[in-house]
Amino acid sequence: MPYLVIKDIELIRILVKNYGYRVLRHKGSHVFLSDLSHVTTIPYHNRELGAGLLNKILKDCELEKDDIKKYV
């Protein structure tokens, strides 16, 4: 599947607005998000996420790239 280019703040907004995640805390340059059953950490450096890191975050949230693409 082709590489998905998304900035960290965009991914945070998508997860909060569309998937029911909430910000647990913001410590340093990392944002901790949670819903009822998943917890994930997203680095917040105001730049694009790497492919491996994006895949790891999506795996933590049990989402696919296609789920995120419709909001980008």
Protein backbone atom coordinates (compact mmCIF):
# COMPACT_ATOMS: atom_id res chain seq x y z
CA MET A 1 0.00 0.00 0.00
CA PRO A 2 1.39 3.44 -0.85
CA TYR A 3 2.90 5.62 1.81
CA LEU A 4 0.42 7.86 3.67
CA VAL A 5 1.76 11.36 4.36
CA ILE A 6 0.19 12.92 7.44
CA LYS A 7 1.39 15.41 10.04
CA ASP A 8 1.26 14.53 13.71
CA ILE A 9 -1.33 17.19 14.61
CA GLU A 10 -3.63 16.03 11.78
CA LEU A 11 -3.54 12.45 13.09
CA ILE A 12 -4.29 13.63 16.62
CA ARG A 13 -7.28 15.67 15.39
CA ILE A 14 -8.62 12.74 13.33
CA LEU A 15 -8.38 10.32 16.25
CA VAL A 16 -10.02 12.74 18.69
CA LYS A 17 -12.77 14.00 16.40
CA ASN A 18 -13.72 10.82 14.52
CA TYR A 19 -12.68 7.87 16.66
CA GLY A 20 -13.53 8.96 20.19
CA TYR A 21 -9.99 9.30 21.53
CA ARG A 22 -9.24 11.84 24.21
CA VAL A 23 -5.98 13.42 25.27
CA LEU A 24 -4.82 11.87 28.53
CA ARG A 25 -1.81 14.11 28.92
CA HIS A 26 0.79 16.05 27.01
CA LYS A 27 4.26 15.51 28.39
CA GLY A 28 7.16 17.18 26.68
CA SER A 29 6.86 16.50 22.96
CA HIS A 30 4.48 13.53 23.24
CA VAL A 31 0.69 13.37 23.37
CA PHE A 32 -0.93 10.40 25.07
CA LEU A 33 -4.33 9.46 23.64
CA SER A 34 -6.85 6.94 24.91
CA ASP A 35 -10.30 5.56 24.22
CA LEU A 36 -12.00 2.89 26.31
CA SER A 37 -9.72 0.05 25.21
CA HIS A 38 -6.61 1.50 23.50
CA VAL A 39 -3.79 3.81 24.53
CA THR A 40 -1.23 5.25 22.15
CA THR A 41 1.52 7.85 22.20
CA ILE A 42 2.07 10.28 19.34
CA PRO A 43 5.20 12.44 19.14
CA TYR A 44 4.30 16.08 18.60
CA HIS A 45 7.04 17.84 16.63
CA ASN A 46 4.82 19.59 14.03
CA ARG A 47 6.09 17.52 11.12
CA GLU A 48 5.15 14.45 9.10
CA LEU A 49 5.15 11.05 10.75
CA GLY A 50 7.42 8.36 9.34
CA ALA A 51 5.89 5.28 7.71
CA GLY A 52 6.97 2.88 10.46
CA LEU A 53 5.80 5.12 13.27
CA LEU A 54 2.44 5.73 11.58
CA ASN A 55 1.96 1.98 11.13
CA LYS A 56 2.74 1.40 14.82
CA ILE A 57 0.26 4.06 15.95
CA LEU A 58 -2.45 2.66 13.69
CA LYS A 59 -1.73 -0.85 14.96
CA ASP A 60 -2.08 0.38 18.56
CA CYS A 61 -5.46 1.90 17.64
CA GLU A 62 -6.50 -1.16 15.61
CA LEU A 63 -7.03 1.00 12.52
CA GLU A 64 -5.94 0.73 8.88
CA LYS A 65 -4.50 3.37 6.57
CA ASP A 66 -7.76 3.39 4.62
CA ASP A 67 -9.63 4.43 7.78
CA ILE A 68 -7.43 7.51 8.09
CA LYS A 69 -7.24 8.35 4.35
CA LYS A 70 -10.92 9.27 4.16
CA TYR A 71 -10.33 12.16 6.62
CA VAL A 72 -7.10 13.52 5.10
